[in-house]
Amino acid sequence: MKEDIRSKLQDHLLKESYEESDVVYILSRIRKLIELDEINRNRSTYKKLKFFCNWALHVQIDEATSVSDLLLQIKNGGRPTFEIYQLFSSELSRFLEEQRLHTSIFDSDIVKMNFLNKLGEVYKDTPLIVKDRGKKLFTFTFKENDIRIDESGIRSFGSTFRIENHLGE
C-alpha cells in the first residue's frame, strides 16, 4: 500500500506545471504517508506539514496549533504573509528528501511559484481559527494571492488576507 501511494505521488511530483487538482492530490498522498509513518512509529514527525495537508482538504481548520505562533505574528504585523509559504516549502522539502521522493517543484522559481500559487488558490477562503486554551482568538483567511512570475523569475510575491478577531467571545 505504501509503495503504491509513493509511486503515484512520485508521478505527480515531477510535473512542470500544476493545477489545483494536482496540489490537492499531492497533499492528500503526503498526508497518507505521514499517517502511515505515525502508525508505524507511534509518533508524529511532520505536524506542520500535516497541518498544511489538512488545510487543503477541509473547509475550515479549527486546530491550527502547529502554526498559530506564526499566524499570530503575521496578525500583529511582525512577520510577512509569505513566511507561510516558506514554512510549507521547507517542511515539504525535508519530507520529500527523507522519503527519497524527487520533485520538479524546487527546480526553478517558475515551477515553484506555479505550485505555490495553486496552493494559495486551494487555501483561499478556507478559514483557520486560532485558539488559545480552547478560546477563539482570531480567524485567518487568505483572500487573494499576488504571485506573479515570468521567464525571468518572480515578479512579486504576497497575499491578501482577512483577520477576524474573536477576543471577548
N, C-alpha and C. Protein backbone atom coordinates (compact mmCIF):
# COMPACT_ATOMS: atom_id res chain seq x y z
N MET A 1 0.82 -1.19 0.00
CA MET A 1 0.00 0.00 0.00
C MET A 1 0.87 1.26 0.00
N LYS A 2 1.86 1.31 0.88
CA LYS A 2 2.71 2.49 0.97
C LYS A 2 3.47 2.72 -0.33
N GLU A 3 3.96 1.65 -0.93
CA GLU A 3 4.71 1.80 -2.19
C GLU A 3 3.81 2.27 -3.33
N ASP A 4 2.56 1.85 -3.33
CA ASP A 4 1.61 2.30 -4.33
C ASP A 4 1.36 3.80 -4.18
N ILE A 5 1.18 4.25 -2.95
CA ILE A 5 0.99 5.68 -2.68
C ILE A 5 2.22 6.47 -3.13
N ARG A 6 3.40 5.97 -2.76
CA ARG A 6 4.65 6.64 -3.12
C ARG A 6 4.82 6.74 -4.65
N SER A 7 4.50 5.67 -5.35
CA SER A 7 4.65 5.64 -6.80
C SER A 7 3.74 6.66 -7.48
N LYS A 8 2.48 6.71 -7.06
CA LYS A 8 1.54 7.67 -7.63
C LYS A 8 1.94 9.11 -7.28
N LEU A 9 2.39 9.30 -6.06
CA LEU A 9 2.84 10.63 -5.63
C LEU A 9 4.04 11.06 -6.45
N GLN A 10 4.99 10.15 -6.64
CA GLN A 10 6.20 10.47 -7.40
C GLN A 10 5.86 10.97 -8.79
N ASP A 11 4.90 10.33 -9.45
CA ASP A 11 4.50 10.77 -10.79
C ASP A 11 4.01 12.22 -10.79
N HIS A 12 3.22 12.58 -9.79
CA HIS A 12 2.69 13.95 -9.72
C HIS A 12 3.76 14.97 -9.35
N LEU A 13 4.73 14.57 -8.58
CA LEU A 13 5.78 15.50 -8.14
C LEU A 13 6.71 15.93 -9.26
N LEU A 14 6.72 15.22 -10.37
CA LEU A 14 7.65 15.51 -11.45
C LEU A 14 7.06 16.38 -12.56
N LYS A 15 5.85 16.85 -12.38
CA LYS A 15 5.24 17.71 -13.39
C LYS A 15 5.99 19.05 -13.47
N GLU A 16 5.87 19.69 -14.60
CA GLU A 16 6.49 21.01 -14.80
C GLU A 16 5.51 22.15 -14.56
N SER A 17 4.22 21.82 -14.52
CA SER A 17 3.18 22.80 -14.28
C SER A 17 2.07 22.11 -13.48
N TYR A 18 1.48 22.85 -12.56
CA TYR A 18 0.50 22.27 -11.65
C TYR A 18 -0.84 22.99 -11.74
N GLU A 19 -1.89 22.22 -11.53
CA GLU A 19 -3.24 22.74 -11.39
C GLU A 19 -3.65 22.53 -9.93
N GLU A 20 -4.75 23.17 -9.53
CA GLU A 20 -5.22 23.00 -8.15
C GLU A 20 -5.44 21.52 -7.82
N SER A 21 -5.99 20.77 -8.76
CA SER A 21 -6.26 19.35 -8.52
C SER A 21 -4.97 18.58 -8.25
N ASP A 22 -3.88 18.96 -8.92
CA ASP A 22 -2.58 18.31 -8.68
C ASP A 22 -2.10 18.59 -7.25
N VAL A 23 -2.25 19.84 -6.83
CA VAL A 23 -1.79 20.23 -5.49
C VAL A 23 -2.58 19.47 -4.43
N VAL A 24 -3.89 19.41 -4.58
CA VAL A 24 -4.72 18.69 -3.61
C VAL A 24 -4.33 17.21 -3.59
N TYR A 25 -4.13 16.63 -4.76
CA TYR A 25 -3.74 15.21 -4.83
C TYR A 25 -2.40 14.99 -4.12
N ILE A 26 -1.42 15.83 -4.41
CA ILE A 26 -0.10 15.69 -3.78
C ILE A 26 -0.21 15.78 -2.27
N LEU A 27 -0.95 16.77 -1.78
CA LEU A 27 -1.07 16.93 -0.32
C LEU A 27 -1.85 15.79 0.32
N SER A 28 -2.83 15.24 -0.39
CA SER A 28 -3.58 14.12 0.17
C SER A 28 -2.70 12.87 0.28
N ARG A 29 -1.84 12.63 -0.72
CA ARG A 29 -0.92 11.48 -0.66
C ARG A 29 0.16 11.68 0.41
N ILE A 30 0.65 12.89 0.53
CA ILE A 30 1.63 13.17 1.58
C ILE A 30 1.02 12.91 2.94
N ARG A 31 -0.21 13.37 3.13
CA ARG A 31 -0.88 13.13 4.41
C ARG A 31 -1.01 11.64 4.71
N LYS A 32 -1.34 10.86 3.69
CA LYS A 32 -1.43 9.41 3.90
C LYS A 32 -0.08 8.83 4.32
N LEU A 33 0.99 9.26 3.68
CA LEU A 33 2.32 8.76 4.06
C LEU A 33 2.68 9.19 5.48
N ILE A 34 2.35 10.41 5.84
CA ILE A 34 2.62 10.89 7.21
C ILE A 34 1.83 10.04 8.20
N GLU A 35 0.58 9.78 7.91
CA GLU A 35 -0.26 9.00 8.83
C GLU A 35 0.24 7.56 8.94
N LEU A 36 0.69 6.98 7.84
CA LEU A 36 1.26 5.63 7.91
C LEU A 36 2.51 5.62 8.78
N ASP A 37 3.35 6.65 8.65
CA ASP A 37 4.54 6.77 9.50
C ASP A 37 4.16 6.93 10.97
N GLU A 38 3.12 7.72 11.22
CA GLU A 38 2.67 7.92 12.60
C GLU A 38 2.22 6.60 13.22
N ILE A 39 1.54 5.78 12.45
CA ILE A 39 1.08 4.47 12.94
C ILE A 39 2.30 3.58 13.21
N ASN A 40 3.24 3.56 12.27
CA ASN A 40 4.41 2.69 12.42
C ASN A 40 5.37 3.15 13.51
N ARG A 41 5.52 4.45 13.67
CA ARG A 41 6.46 4.99 14.66
C ARG A 41 5.80 5.34 15.99
N ASN A 42 4.48 5.38 15.99
CA ASN A 42 3.72 5.76 17.17
C ASN A 42 4.06 7.18 17.65
N ARG A 43 4.39 8.05 16.68
CA ARG A 43 4.65 9.46 16.98
C ARG A 43 4.50 10.27 15.70
N SER A 44 4.34 11.57 15.85
CA SER A 44 4.17 12.45 14.71
C SER A 44 5.45 13.25 14.47
N THR A 45 6.02 13.11 13.29
CA THR A 45 7.25 13.81 12.94
C THR A 45 6.98 15.09 12.18
N TYR A 46 5.94 15.12 11.38
CA TYR A 46 5.68 16.25 10.48
C TYR A 46 4.34 16.92 10.81
N LYS A 47 4.22 17.45 12.02
CA LYS A 47 2.97 18.08 12.44
C LYS A 47 2.61 19.29 11.58
N LYS A 48 3.61 20.11 11.25
CA LYS A 48 3.32 21.30 10.44
C LYS A 48 2.94 20.93 9.02
N LEU A 49 3.66 20.00 8.42
CA LEU A 49 3.32 19.58 7.06
C LEU A 49 1.94 18.92 7.04
N LYS A 50 1.63 18.14 8.05
CA LYS A 50 0.31 17.52 8.13
C LYS A 50 -0.77 18.59 8.24
N PHE A 51 -0.48 19.66 9.00
CA PHE A 51 -1.41 20.78 9.09
C PHE A 51 -1.68 21.35 7.69
N PHE A 52 -0.61 21.61 6.92
CA PHE A 52 -0.77 22.18 5.58
C PHE A 52 -1.58 21.24 4.68
N CYS A 53 -1.37 19.94 4.83
CA CYS A 53 -2.15 18.96 4.06
C CYS A 53 -3.61 19.02 4.47
N ASN A 54 -3.88 19.07 5.77
CA ASN A 54 -5.26 19.16 6.25
C ASN A 54 -5.95 20.43 5.77
N TRP A 55 -5.20 21.53 5.76
CA TRP A 55 -5.75 22.82 5.33
C TRP A 55 -6.28 22.72 3.90
N ALA A 56 -5.62 21.96 3.07
CA ALA A 56 -6.03 21.81 1.67
C ALA A 56 -7.25 20.91 1.52
N LEU A 57 -7.54 20.11 2.53
CA LEU A 57 -8.58 19.10 2.39
C LEU A 57 -9.85 19.36 3.20
N HIS A 58 -9.89 20.46 3.94
CA HIS A 58 -11.05 20.75 4.79
C HIS A 58 -11.61 22.13 4.47
N VAL A 59 -12.86 22.36 4.85
CA VAL A 59 -13.49 23.65 4.59
C VAL A 59 -13.18 24.66 5.69
N GLN A 60 -12.71 24.18 6.83
CA GLN A 60 -12.35 25.05 7.95
C GLN A 60 -11.40 24.27 8.86
N ILE A 61 -10.39 24.94 9.36
CA ILE A 61 -9.48 24.31 10.31
C ILE A 61 -9.61 25.05 11.64
N ASP A 62 -10.04 24.33 12.65
CA ASP A 62 -10.18 24.98 13.96
C ASP A 62 -9.13 24.48 14.95
N GLU A 63 -8.09 23.85 14.42
CA GLU A 63 -6.96 23.43 15.25
C GLU A 63 -5.68 23.75 14.50
N ALA A 64 -5.23 25.00 14.64
CA ALA A 64 -4.04 25.47 13.92
C ALA A 64 -2.85 25.61 14.86
N THR A 65 -2.81 24.77 15.89
CA THR A 65 -1.78 24.87 16.93
C THR A 65 -0.36 24.87 16.38
N SER A 66 -0.08 24.04 15.39
CA SER A 66 1.29 23.90 14.90
C SER A 66 1.79 25.16 14.19
N VAL A 67 0.89 26.02 13.73
CA VAL A 67 1.31 27.26 13.06
C VAL A 67 0.72 28.51 13.71
N SER A 68 0.08 28.36 14.86
CA SER A 68 -0.59 29.51 15.48
C SER A 68 0.37 30.62 15.87
N ASP A 69 1.58 30.28 16.30
CA ASP A 69 2.55 31.34 16.63
C ASP A 69 2.88 32.19 15.41
N LEU A 70 3.12 31.54 14.27
CA LEU A 70 3.41 32.27 13.04
C LEU A 70 2.22 33.12 12.63
N LEU A 71 1.00 32.57 12.70
CA LEU A 71 -0.19 33.33 12.32
C LEU A 71 -0.39 34.53 13.25
N LEU A 72 -0.12 34.36 14.53
CA LEU A 72 -0.24 35.46 15.48
C LEU A 72 0.76 36.57 15.15
N GLN A 73 1.99 36.19 14.80
CA GLN A 73 3.00 37.19 14.43
C GLN A 73 2.61 37.91 13.13
N ILE A 74 2.04 37.19 12.18
CA ILE A 74 1.56 37.82 10.94
C ILE A 74 0.43 38.79 11.27
N LYS A 75 -0.48 38.34 12.11
CA LYS A 75 -1.62 39.19 12.52
C LYS A 75 -1.14 40.49 13.14
N ASN A 76 -0.11 40.40 13.95
CA ASN A 76 0.40 41.58 14.65
C ASN A 76 1.40 42.39 13.83
N GLY A 77 1.61 42.00 12.58
CA GLY A 77 2.50 42.74 11.69
C GLY A 77 3.98 42.44 11.87
N GLY A 78 4.31 41.44 12.67
CA GLY A 78 5.70 41.12 12.93
C GLY A 78 6.36 40.22 11.89
N ARG A 79 5.56 39.56 11.06
CA ARG A 79 6.10 38.67 10.02
C ARG A 79 5.26 38.83 8.78
N PRO A 80 5.88 38.75 7.60
CA PRO A 80 5.11 38.84 6.35
C PRO A 80 4.36 37.54 6.05
N THR A 81 3.27 37.66 5.32
CA THR A 81 2.43 36.52 4.98
C THR A 81 3.18 35.44 4.22
N PHE A 82 4.15 35.82 3.39
CA PHE A 82 4.82 34.81 2.57
C PHE A 82 5.62 33.81 3.41
N GLU A 83 5.83 34.09 4.69
CA GLU A 83 6.53 33.12 5.54
C GLU A 83 5.72 31.83 5.71
N ILE A 84 4.42 31.91 5.49
CA ILE A 84 3.60 30.68 5.48
C ILE A 84 4.09 29.77 4.36
N TYR A 85 4.31 30.36 3.18
CA TYR A 85 4.80 29.58 2.04
C TYR A 85 6.22 29.06 2.30
N GLN A 86 7.04 29.88 2.94
CA GLN A 86 8.42 29.44 3.25
C GLN A 86 8.40 28.25 4.21
N LEU A 87 7.55 28.31 5.25
CA LEU A 87 7.45 27.21 6.19
C LEU A 87 6.96 25.95 5.48
N PHE A 88 5.92 26.10 4.67
CA PHE A 88 5.42 24.97 3.90
C PHE A 88 6.51 24.37 3.02
N SER A 89 7.22 25.22 2.28
CA SER A 89 8.26 24.75 1.36
C SER A 89 9.37 24.00 2.08
N SER A 90 9.80 24.52 3.22
CA SER A 90 10.89 23.85 3.94
C SER A 90 10.43 22.51 4.51
N GLU A 91 9.20 22.44 5.01
CA GLU A 91 8.66 21.18 5.53
C GLU A 91 8.49 20.17 4.39
N LEU A 92 7.98 20.63 3.26
CA LEU A 92 7.79 19.75 2.11
C LEU A 92 9.13 19.22 1.62
N SER A 93 10.10 20.08 1.49
CA SER A 93 11.43 19.69 1.02
C SER A 93 12.05 18.64 1.94
N ARG A 94 11.96 18.88 3.24
CA ARG A 94 12.53 17.95 4.23
C ARG A 94 11.84 16.59 4.15
N PHE A 95 10.52 16.60 4.03
CA PHE A 95 9.75 15.36 3.95
C PHE A 95 10.12 14.57 2.69
N LEU A 96 10.15 15.25 1.54
CA LEU A 96 10.45 14.56 0.28
C LEU A 96 11.86 13.99 0.29
N GLU A 97 12.78 14.73 0.87
CA GLU A 97 14.16 14.23 0.97
C GLU A 97 14.22 12.97 1.84
N GLU A 98 13.54 13.01 2.98
CA GLU A 98 13.53 11.84 3.86
C GLU A 98 12.87 10.64 3.20
N GLN A 99 11.85 10.91 2.42
CA GLN A 99 11.11 9.83 1.74
C GLN A 99 11.79 9.39 0.44
N ARG A 100 12.85 10.09 0.07
CA ARG A 100 13.57 9.83 -1.18
C ARG A 100 12.66 9.96 -2.40
N LEU A 101 11.84 11.00 -2.37
CA LEU A 101 10.97 11.32 -3.49
C LEU A 101 11.54 12.55 -4.20
N HIS A 102 11.51 12.53 -5.51
CA HIS A 102 12.07 13.62 -6.30
C HIS A 102 10.94 14.51 -6.81
N THR A 103 11.24 15.79 -6.95
CA THR A 103 10.22 16.73 -7.42
C THR A 103 10.83 17.79 -8.32
N SER A 104 10.00 18.32 -9.20
CA SER A 104 10.40 19.45 -10.03
C SER A 104 10.01 20.78 -9.37
N ILE A 105 9.27 20.71 -8.27
CA ILE A 105 8.75 21.92 -7.63
C ILE A 105 9.85 22.92 -7.29
N PHE A 106 10.99 22.43 -6.83
CA PHE A 106 12.06 23.33 -6.40
C PHE A 106 13.15 23.51 -7.45
N ASP A 107 12.89 23.04 -8.69
CA ASP A 107 13.90 23.15 -9.76
C ASP A 107 14.07 24.57 -10.28
N SER A 108 13.00 25.34 -10.30
CA SER A 108 13.08 26.72 -10.80
C SER A 108 12.05 27.57 -10.08
N ASP A 109 12.28 28.88 -10.08
CA ASP A 109 11.33 29.80 -9.47
C ASP A 109 9.97 29.71 -10.14
N ILE A 110 9.97 29.52 -11.45
CA ILE A 110 8.71 29.48 -12.18
C ILE A 110 7.86 28.29 -11.74
N VAL A 111 8.46 27.11 -11.65
CA VAL A 111 7.72 25.91 -11.23
C VAL A 111 7.28 26.05 -9.77
N LYS A 112 8.18 26.53 -8.92
CA LYS A 112 7.85 26.69 -7.50
C LYS A 112 6.71 27.68 -7.32
N MET A 113 6.77 28.82 -7.99
CA MET A 113 5.72 29.82 -7.83
C MET A 113 4.41 29.35 -8.43
N ASN A 114 4.46 28.58 -9.51
CA ASN A 114 3.24 28.00 -10.07
C ASN A 114 2.58 27.10 -9.02
N PHE A 115 3.40 26.25 -8.39
CA PHE A 115 2.88 25.34 -7.38
C PHE A 115 2.32 26.14 -6.19
N LEU A 116 3.07 27.11 -5.69
CA LEU A 116 2.62 27.89 -4.52
C LEU A 116 1.39 28.73 -4.85
N ASN A 117 1.29 29.23 -6.07
CA ASN A 117 0.12 29.98 -6.47
C ASN A 117 -1.12 29.09 -6.45
N LYS A 118 -0.97 27.88 -6.97
CA LYS A 118 -2.10 26.94 -6.95
C LYS A 118 -2.42 26.51 -5.51
N LEU A 119 -1.40 26.38 -4.69
CA LEU A 119 -1.61 26.07 -3.27
C LEU A 119 -2.43 27.17 -2.61
N GLY A 120 -2.07 28.42 -2.88
CA GLY A 120 -2.82 29.55 -2.34
C GLY A 120 -4.27 29.55 -2.79
N GLU A 121 -4.50 29.15 -4.04
CA GLU A 121 -5.88 29.06 -4.53
C GLU A 121 -6.65 27.97 -3.78
N VAL A 122 -5.97 26.89 -3.44
CA VAL A 122 -6.61 25.83 -2.67
C VAL A 122 -6.97 26.34 -1.27
N TYR A 123 -6.04 27.10 -0.67
CA TYR A 123 -6.25 27.61 0.69
C TYR A 123 -7.23 28.78 0.75
N LYS A 124 -7.43 29.42 -0.39
CA LYS A 124 -8.28 30.60 -0.44
C LYS A 124 -9.66 30.31 0.15
N ASP A 125 -10.07 31.17 1.02
CA ASP A 125 -11.38 31.07 1.66
C ASP A 125 -11.56 29.83 2.53
N THR A 126 -10.46 29.24 2.99
CA THR A 126 -10.54 28.16 3.98
C THR A 126 -10.05 28.75 5.29
N PRO A 127 -10.96 29.14 6.16
CA PRO A 127 -10.57 29.84 7.38
C PRO A 127 -9.77 28.97 8.34
N LEU A 128 -8.80 29.61 8.98
CA LEU A 128 -8.02 29.00 10.07
C LEU A 128 -8.44 29.69 11.35
N ILE A 129 -8.99 28.93 12.28
CA ILE A 129 -9.40 29.50 13.55
C ILE A 129 -8.29 29.24 14.56
N VAL A 130 -7.71 30.33 15.07
CA VAL A 130 -6.61 30.24 16.02
C VAL A 130 -7.18 30.37 17.42
N LYS A 131 -6.85 29.38 18.26
CA LYS A 131 -7.38 29.34 19.62
C LYS A 131 -6.25 29.36 20.63
N ASP A 132 -6.58 29.75 21.84
CA ASP A 132 -5.68 29.65 22.98
C ASP A 132 -6.50 29.11 24.13
N ARG A 133 -6.09 27.95 24.64
CA ARG A 133 -6.81 27.27 25.73
C ARG A 133 -8.29 27.09 25.40
N GLY A 134 -8.56 26.71 24.17
CA GLY A 134 -9.92 26.41 23.75
C GLY A 134 -10.75 27.63 23.38
N LYS A 135 -10.24 28.83 23.60
CA LYS A 135 -10.98 30.05 23.31
C LYS A 135 -10.50 30.64 21.97
N LYS A 136 -11.45 31.00 21.10
CA LYS A 136 -11.10 31.58 19.82
C LYS A 136 -10.40 32.92 20.01
N LEU A 137 -9.27 33.09 19.32
CA LEU A 137 -8.59 34.38 19.32
C LEU A 137 -8.91 35.16 18.05
N PHE A 138 -8.70 34.50 16.89
CA PHE A 138 -8.99 35.14 15.62
C PHE A 138 -9.11 34.09 14.53
N THR A 139 -9.69 34.51 13.41
CA THR A 139 -9.79 33.67 12.22
C THR A 139 -8.95 34.30 11.13
N PHE A 140 -8.09 33.50 10.52
CA PHE A 140 -7.17 33.93 9.47
C PHE A 140 -7.65 33.32 8.16
N THR A 141 -7.92 34.16 7.16
CA THR A 141 -8.41 33.66 5.88
C THR A 141 -7.65 34.33 4.73
N PHE A 142 -7.06 33.53 3.84
CA PHE A 142 -6.46 34.06 2.62
C PHE A 142 -7.59 34.52 1.72
N LYS A 143 -7.42 35.67 1.10
CA LYS A 143 -8.42 36.16 0.15
C LYS A 143 -7.90 36.08 -1.28
N GLU A 144 -6.68 36.59 -1.50
CA GLU A 144 -6.11 36.60 -2.85
C GLU A 144 -4.61 36.37 -2.77
N ASN A 145 -4.08 35.69 -3.78
CA ASN A 145 -2.63 35.57 -3.95
C ASN A 145 -2.17 36.67 -4.88
N ASP A 146 -0.97 37.13 -4.66
CA ASP A 146 -0.34 38.05 -5.60
C ASP A 146 1.05 37.51 -5.90
N ILE A 147 1.08 36.41 -6.64
CA ILE A 147 2.34 35.81 -7.05
C ILE A 147 2.41 35.93 -8.56
N ARG A 148 3.33 36.73 -9.02
CA ARG A 148 3.48 36.93 -10.46
C ARG A 148 4.86 36.46 -10.89
N ILE A 149 4.87 35.66 -11.94
CA ILE A 149 6.14 35.14 -12.45
C ILE A 149 6.19 35.28 -13.96
N ASP A 150 7.38 35.30 -14.48
CA ASP A 150 7.57 35.23 -15.93
C ASP A 150 8.88 34.48 -16.18
N GLU A 151 9.34 34.47 -17.41
CA GLU A 151 10.54 33.70 -17.75
C GLU A 151 11.77 34.13 -16.95
N SER A 152 11.80 35.37 -16.52
CA SER A 152 12.97 35.87 -15.77
C SER A 152 12.88 35.58 -14.27
N GLY A 153 11.75 35.03 -13.83
CA GLY A 153 11.63 34.67 -12.41
C GLY A 153 10.46 35.37 -11.74
N ILE A 154 10.57 35.52 -10.43
CA ILE A 154 9.49 36.07 -9.62
C ILE A 154 9.38 37.58 -9.86
N ARG A 155 8.19 38.04 -10.09
CA ARG A 155 7.92 39.47 -10.25
C ARG A 155 7.49 40.07 -8.90
N SER A 156 6.52 39.44 -8.27
CA SER A 156 6.07 39.89 -6.95
C SER A 156 5.49 38.71 -6.21
N PHE A 157 5.44 38.83 -4.90
CA PHE A 157 5.02 37.72 -4.08
C PHE A 157 4.31 38.28 -2.85
N GLY A 158 3.10 37.88 -2.65
CA GLY A 158 2.37 38.32 -1.46
C GLY A 158 0.97 37.77 -1.48
N SER A 159 0.24 38.07 -0.44
CA SER A 159 -1.14 37.61 -0.34
C SER A 159 -1.95 38.65 0.41
N THR A 160 -3.22 38.67 0.09
CA THR A 160 -4.16 39.48 0.85
C THR A 160 -4.91 38.52 1.76
N PHE A 161 -5.08 38.91 3.00
CA PHE A 161 -5.78 38.04 3.92
C PHE A 161 -6.70 38.88 4.81
N ARG A 162 -7.62 38.20 5.45
CA ARG A 162 -8.57 38.84 6.35
C ARG A 162 -8.37 38.23 7.74
N ILE A 163 -8.41 39.09 8.75
CA ILE A 163 -8.33 38.61 10.13
C ILE A 163 -9.56 39.10 10.87
N GLU A 164 -10.28 38.15 11.42
CA GLU A 164 -11.47 38.45 12.19
C GLU A 164 -11.19 38.14 13.66
N ASN A 165 -11.18 39.16 14.50
CA ASN A 165 -10.90 38.98 15.93
C ASN A 165 -12.09 38.38 16.65
N HIS A 166 -11.79 37.53 17.64
CA HIS A 166 -12.84 36.91 18.45
C HIS A 166 -12.66 37.22 19.93
N LEU A 167 -11.74 38.10 20.25
CA LEU A 167 -11.50 38.41 21.65
C LEU A 167 -12.79 38.90 22.30
N GLY A 168 -13.03 38.44 23.47
CA GLY A 168 -14.22 38.84 24.19
C GLY A 168 -15.42 37.93 23.96
N GLU A 169 -15.26 36.94 23.08
CA GLU A 169 -16.37 35.99 22.84
C GLU A 169 -16.45 35.00 23.97
